[in-house]
Protein backbone atom coordinates (compact mmCIF):
# COMPACT_ATOMS: atom_id res chain seq x y z
CA MET A 1 24.29 -0.29 -24.22
CA GLN A 2 21.28 0.45 -26.46
CA VAL A 3 18.05 2.41 -25.85
CA GLY A 4 16.04 -0.86 -25.29
CA GLN A 5 18.53 -2.61 -22.71
CA ILE A 6 18.42 1.10 -20.81
CA LYS A 7 14.46 1.14 -20.73
CA ILE A 8 14.24 -2.91 -19.88
CA VAL A 9 17.13 -2.01 -16.52
CA ILE A 10 15.12 1.12 -15.42
CA PHE A 11 11.39 -0.70 -15.92
CA VAL A 12 12.91 -3.81 -13.79
CA LEU A 13 14.11 -0.89 -11.37
CA MET A 14 11.15 0.97 -10.68
CA ALA A 15 9.25 -2.66 -10.86
CA ILE A 16 11.07 -3.62 -7.64
CA VAL A 17 11.16 -0.57 -6.25
CA ALA A 18 6.85 -0.47 -6.76
CA ILE A 19 6.49 -4.11 -5.77
CA THR A 20 8.44 -3.96 -2.20
CA LEU A 21 6.55 -0.36 -1.55
CA GLY A 22 3.05 -2.28 -2.23
CA LEU A 23 4.12 -5.29 -0.83
CA TRP A 24 5.82 -3.75 2.52
CA SER A 25 2.30 -1.35 3.29
CA GLY A 26 0.31 -4.10 2.34
CA LEU A 27 1.38 -6.74 5.17
CA ASN A 28 1.84 -3.25 7.53
CA PHE A 29 -2.16 -2.99 7.33
CA ASP A 30 -2.60 -6.18 7.78
CA ARG A 31 -1.35 -6.27 10.79
CA MET A 32 -2.83 -3.32 11.64
CA ILE A 33 -6.37 -4.61 11.17
CA ALA A 34 -5.32 -7.57 13.38
CA GLU A 35 -4.06 -5.97 16.12
CA ILE A 36 -7.71 -3.84 16.02
CA ASN A 37 -9.63 -7.10 15.37
CA ARG A 38 -7.47 -8.54 18.98
CA LYS A 39 -8.76 -5.88 20.93
CA ARG A 40 -12.46 -6.15 19.71
CA PRO A 41 -15.65 -8.94 20.30
CA LYS A 42 -15.51 -12.08 17.67
CA ASP A 43 -18.86 -10.38 16.29
CA MET A 44 -17.78 -6.98 15.79
CA GLN A 45 -14.15 -7.89 13.79
CA ILE A 46 -12.95 -6.17 10.94
CA PRO A 47 -12.72 -8.63 8.00
CA LEU A 48 -9.35 -8.70 5.98
CA TYR A 49 -11.45 -8.50 2.70
CA PHE A 50 -12.93 -5.63 3.60
CA ASN A 51 -15.14 -3.31 1.60
CA SER A 52 -15.04 0.56 1.60
CA LYS A 53 -17.65 0.81 5.01
CA SER A 54 -15.72 -1.46 6.73
CA LEU A 55 -12.71 0.62 5.16
CA ALA A 56 -13.76 3.97 6.69
CA GLU A 57 -14.85 2.03 9.87
CA VAL A 58 -10.66 0.91 10.01
CA GLU A 59 -10.33 4.67 9.54
CA ILE A 60 -12.29 5.79 11.94
CA LEU A 61 -11.02 3.04 14.80
CA TYR A 62 -7.37 3.72 13.90
CA ALA A 63 -7.66 7.74 14.13
CA THR A 64 -9.64 6.94 17.83
CA HIS A 65 -6.40 4.60 18.94
CA TYR A 66 -3.78 5.54 17.53
CA PRO A 67 -3.69 9.37 17.18
CA GLU A 68 -0.12 9.45 15.25
CA GLY A 69 -2.11 8.48 12.12
CA LYS A 70 -0.07 5.10 10.63
CA LEU A 71 -2.85 4.33 8.46
CA HIS A 72 -2.73 7.78 6.43
CA ILE A 73 1.46 6.59 5.97
CA TYR A 74 0.14 3.23 4.73
CA SER A 75 -2.26 4.48 2.35
CA LYS A 76 0.63 7.36 0.97
CA ARG A 77 2.78 4.07 0.65
CA PHE A 78 0.10 2.69 -1.56
CA LYS A 79 -0.11 6.03 -3.48
CA ILE A 80 3.70 6.18 -4.00
CA ALA A 81 3.81 2.68 -5.26
CA GLY A 82 1.44 3.57 -7.38
CA ILE A 83 3.18 6.86 -8.75
CA VAL A 84 6.06 4.97 -9.01
CA TRP A 85 4.94 2.14 -11.25
CA PHE A 86 2.83 4.63 -13.79
CA ALA A 87 6.34 6.61 -13.70
CA THR A 88 8.23 3.68 -14.90
CA PHE A 89 5.62 3.04 -17.40
CA LEU A 90 5.93 6.06 -19.21
CA ILE A 91 9.39 6.15 -18.71
CA TYR A 92 9.46 2.51 -20.77
CA MET A 93 7.09 3.81 -23.39
CA PHE A 94 8.83 7.17 -24.61
CA ILE A 95 12.32 6.53 -24.22
């Protein structure tokens, strides 16, 4: 294989890993918000498209109801996906 082909293969594989991690944590995050909303009155529910204020509310609520801290795990997966994506970009640029 030539260097160009190796770069493309690495880029595609790392992109698949990053996208999979991002989608997986995003789907779990949506499920978690839906679970919280089921327990709240209609006027106090958290919108699925939330801003930073409602995200802080989710974190507080989740820490109160679920002390194992699943929200932290989901945000960590997003960070890992971002790091993998950035590493892929760097590898692609410098090989």
